[in-house]
């Protein structure tokens, strides 16, 4: 949801939510209506706060490092990550508040608290409804929480290094061809 909120202006999330809310929902779809209204409220709140990309990143980290959702790490590891993330977000907000004018940042001494108070609202949203509303049409009936670990385990470095290697090989071939053409021009002019 944080990613949807972050790119809301690019995808025109407000209109998407309005369209989904305007649809006639069956009586057994009241939960969908609640989730859509909650996302709409969060969108308004995050827009009003003018949340920066860096702040979104820290908030996402706090949600990822949630001891309730994570079974791979120990509680102490998760707590250490969350504490570090909190400190970094606090430092970022403090530095930003000092370096910019009050009106520019739309911030105050309570900005950190205002951001952190939004996190429980995100956690209470039913992920199965979010998947159904936003992802089933794109990727079929697959649970997002099963896809994310696969994405995180992807070996991005090997694919980017192989692209880089093929790009380097292509560049070397181009340079050799260019040198050969220059030598051909020099020998023909002699």
Protein backbone atom coordinates (compact mmCIF):
# COMPACT_ATOMS: atom_id res chain seq x y z
CA UNK A 1 0.00 0.00 0.00
CA UNK A 2 2.85 2.39 0.77
CA UNK A 3 4.14 1.95 -2.77
CA UNK A 4 0.68 2.71 -4.15
CA UNK A 5 0.49 5.82 -1.99
CA UNK A 6 3.99 6.86 -3.02
CA UNK A 7 3.25 6.72 -6.74
CA UNK A 8 -0.35 7.88 -6.37
CA UNK A 9 0.07 10.93 -8.59
CA UNK A 10 1.68 8.90 -11.39
CA UNK A 11 -1.09 6.31 -11.48
CA UNK A 12 -3.88 8.68 -10.44
CA UNK A 13 -4.77 6.54 -7.43
CA UNK A 14 -7.48 8.95 -6.27
CA UNK A 15 -9.47 8.35 -9.48
CA UNK A 16 -8.90 4.60 -9.31
CA UNK A 17 -10.22 4.52 -5.75
CA UNK A 18 -13.19 6.71 -6.66
CA UNK A 19 -14.03 4.39 -9.58
CA UNK A 20 -13.78 1.30 -7.40
CA UNK A 21 -15.92 2.92 -4.71
CA UNK A 22 -18.53 3.97 -7.29
CA UNK A 23 -19.03 0.35 -8.37
CA UNK A 24 -21.99 -1.42 -6.88
CA UNK A 25 -20.65 -3.79 -4.27
CA UNK A 26 -22.61 -6.79 -3.09
CA UNK A 27 -23.61 -6.92 0.54
CA UNK A 28 -20.93 -9.57 1.12
CA UNK A 29 -18.30 -7.15 -0.21
CA UNK A 30 -18.56 -4.66 2.63
CA UNK A 31 -14.97 -5.48 3.59
CA UNK A 32 -13.80 -4.30 0.17
CA UNK A 33 -15.60 -1.02 0.65
CA UNK A 34 -13.96 -0.59 4.08
CA UNK A 35 -10.48 -1.28 2.65
CA UNK A 36 -11.01 1.13 -0.24
CA UNK A 37 -12.23 3.88 2.11
CA UNK A 38 -9.27 3.27 4.42
CA UNK A 39 -6.81 3.50 1.51
CA UNK A 40 -8.55 6.68 0.38
CA UNK A 41 -8.15 8.15 3.88
CA UNK A 42 -4.49 7.13 3.99
CA UNK A 43 -3.93 8.72 0.59
CA UNK A 44 -5.37 11.98 1.87
CA UNK A 45 -3.29 11.82 5.06
CA UNK A 46 -0.02 11.04 3.25
CA UNK A 47 -0.66 13.73 0.63
CA UNK A 48 -1.36 16.25 3.36
CA UNK A 49 1.94 15.35 5.05
CA UNK A 50 3.88 15.65 1.75
CA UNK A 51 5.78 12.45 2.55
CA UNK A 52 9.14 12.31 0.78
CA UNK A 53 10.53 9.28 -1.04
CA UNK A 54 13.12 8.83 1.71
CA UNK A 55 10.40 8.84 4.38
CA UNK A 56 8.42 6.29 2.36
CA UNK A 57 11.52 4.09 2.22
CA UNK A 58 11.99 4.20 5.99
CA UNK A 59 8.30 3.48 6.60
CA UNK A 60 8.48 0.51 4.23
CA UNK A 61 11.50 -0.82 6.11
CA UNK A 62 9.60 -0.53 9.38
CA UNK A 63 6.78 -2.60 7.93
CA UNK A 64 9.14 -5.18 6.43
CA UNK A 65 10.95 -5.55 9.74
CA UNK A 66 7.79 -6.33 11.66
CA UNK A 67 8.33 -9.16 14.15
CA UNK A 68 4.75 -10.32 13.69
CA UNK A 69 5.20 -10.92 9.94
CA UNK A 70 8.74 -12.25 9.96
CA UNK A 71 9.62 -15.81 10.86
CA UNK A 72 13.10 -16.03 9.29
CA UNK A 73 14.91 -13.73 11.74
CA UNK A 74 14.98 -13.69 15.50
CA UNK A 75 13.02 -11.10 17.39
CA UNK A 76 16.26 -9.43 18.54
CA UNK A 77 17.47 -9.04 14.93
CA UNK A 78 14.15 -7.59 13.85
CA UNK A 79 14.07 -5.24 16.82
CA UNK A 80 17.61 -4.06 16.05
CA UNK A 81 16.67 -3.36 12.41
CA UNK A 82 13.53 -1.50 13.42
CA UNK A 83 15.41 0.55 16.00
CA UNK A 84 18.08 1.46 13.46
CA UNK A 85 15.41 2.39 10.91
CA UNK A 86 13.60 4.53 13.48
CA UNK A 87 16.84 6.35 14.38
CA UNK A 88 17.66 6.97 10.72
CA UNK A 89 14.16 8.31 10.04
CA UNK A 90 14.39 10.53 13.13
CA UNK A 91 17.78 11.88 11.99
CA UNK A 92 16.49 12.46 8.46
CA UNK A 93 13.47 14.41 9.70
CA UNK A 94 15.57 16.40 12.18
CA UNK A 95 18.16 17.30 9.53
CA UNK A 96 15.48 18.20 7.04
CA UNK A 97 13.62 20.35 9.56
CA UNK A 98 16.79 22.28 10.39
CA UNK A 99 17.91 22.71 6.77
CA UNK A 100 14.61 23.93 5.30
CA UNK A 101 12.06 26.51 6.21
CA UNK A 102 9.02 25.50 8.22
CA UNK A 103 6.60 26.16 5.38
CA UNK A 104 8.78 24.38 2.83
CA UNK A 105 8.88 21.07 4.64
CA UNK A 106 5.37 21.19 6.05
CA UNK A 107 7.00 19.74 9.10
CA UNK A 108 7.06 20.33 12.75
CA UNK A 109 8.48 18.70 15.82
CA UNK A 110 5.68 16.11 15.67
CA UNK A 111 6.30 14.97 12.08
CA UNK A 112 7.94 11.71 13.12
CA UNK A 113 4.99 10.87 15.35
CA UNK A 114 2.51 11.75 12.62
CA UNK A 115 4.25 9.40 10.19
CA UNK A 116 4.60 6.55 12.68
CA UNK A 117 0.94 6.80 13.68
CA UNK A 118 -0.01 5.87 10.10
CA UNK A 119 1.70 2.47 10.30
CA UNK A 120 -0.96 0.66 12.39
CA UNK A 121 -3.60 1.70 9.85
CA UNK A 122 -1.59 -0.01 7.14
CA UNK A 123 -1.19 -3.19 9.17
CA UNK A 124 -4.91 -3.55 9.82
CA UNK A 125 -5.79 -3.71 6.11
CA UNK A 126 -6.79 -7.16 4.88
CA UNK A 127 -4.08 -8.21 2.42
CA UNK A 128 -6.30 -10.74 0.65
CA UNK A 129 -8.75 -7.96 -0.25
CA UNK A 130 -5.91 -5.71 -1.43
CA UNK A 131 -4.60 -8.56 -3.60
CA UNK A 132 -8.05 -9.10 -5.06
CA UNK A 133 -8.65 -5.40 -5.74
CA UNK A 134 -5.31 -4.47 -7.24
CA UNK A 135 -3.37 -7.54 -8.36
CA UNK A 136 -5.64 -10.42 -9.42
CA UNK A 137 -6.26 -8.80 -12.80
CA UNK A 138 -2.52 -8.35 -13.35
CA UNK A 139 -0.91 -11.54 -12.08
CA UNK A 140 -3.79 -13.89 -11.42
CA UNK A 141 -4.74 -15.40 -8.11
CA UNK A 142 -1.34 -15.45 -6.42
CA UNK A 143 -0.67 -14.28 -2.89
CA UNK A 144 1.63 -11.27 -2.83
CA UNK A 145 3.37 -12.44 0.34
CA UNK A 146 4.49 -15.55 -1.57
CA UNK A 147 5.82 -13.55 -4.53
CA UNK A 148 7.82 -10.97 -2.57
CA UNK A 149 10.33 -13.48 -1.10
CA UNK A 150 10.92 -14.86 -4.61
CA UNK A 151 11.55 -11.36 -5.93
CA UNK A 152 13.91 -10.61 -3.06
CA UNK A 153 15.87 -13.83 -3.68
CA UNK A 154 16.29 -13.12 -7.40
CA UNK A 155 19.91 -12.82 -8.42
CA UNK A 156 19.75 -9.35 -9.91
CA UNK A 157 23.53 -8.93 -9.82
CA UNK A 158 24.19 -11.86 -12.14
CA UNK A 159 21.69 -10.67 -14.72
CA UNK A 160 22.98 -7.10 -14.57
CA UNK A 161 26.61 -8.27 -14.69
CA UNK A 162 25.88 -10.48 -17.71
CA UNK A 163 24.21 -7.50 -19.39
CA UNK A 164 27.22 -5.41 -18.49
CA UNK A 165 29.60 -8.07 -19.82
CA UNK A 166 27.72 -8.36 -23.12
CA UNK A 167 27.62 -4.58 -23.33
CA UNK A 168 31.39 -4.43 -22.74
CA UNK A 169 32.01 -7.11 -25.38
CA UNK A 170 29.84 -5.20 -27.84
CA UNK A 171 31.74 -1.99 -27.08
CA UNK A 172 35.13 -3.69 -27.62
CA UNK A 173 33.94 -5.14 -30.94
CA UNK A 174 32.73 -1.68 -32.00
CA UNK A 175 36.10 -0.13 -31.07
CA UNK A 176 38.00 -2.81 -33.06
CA UNK A 177 35.80 -2.20 -36.11
CA UNK A 178 36.35 1.53 -35.81
CA UNK A 179 40.14 1.06 -35.57
CA UNK A 180 40.11 -1.23 -38.61
CA UNK A 181 38.14 1.36 -40.59
CA UNK A 182 40.58 4.10 -39.60
CA UNK A 183 43.54 1.93 -40.62
CA UNK A 184 41.82 1.21 -43.92
CA UNK A 185 41.36 4.93 -44.55
CA UNK A 186 44.99 5.64 -43.70
CA UNK A 187 46.35 2.89 -45.96
CA UNK A 188 44.06 3.89 -48.85
CA UNK A 189 45.17 7.50 -48.61
CA UNK A 190 48.84 6.44 -48.85
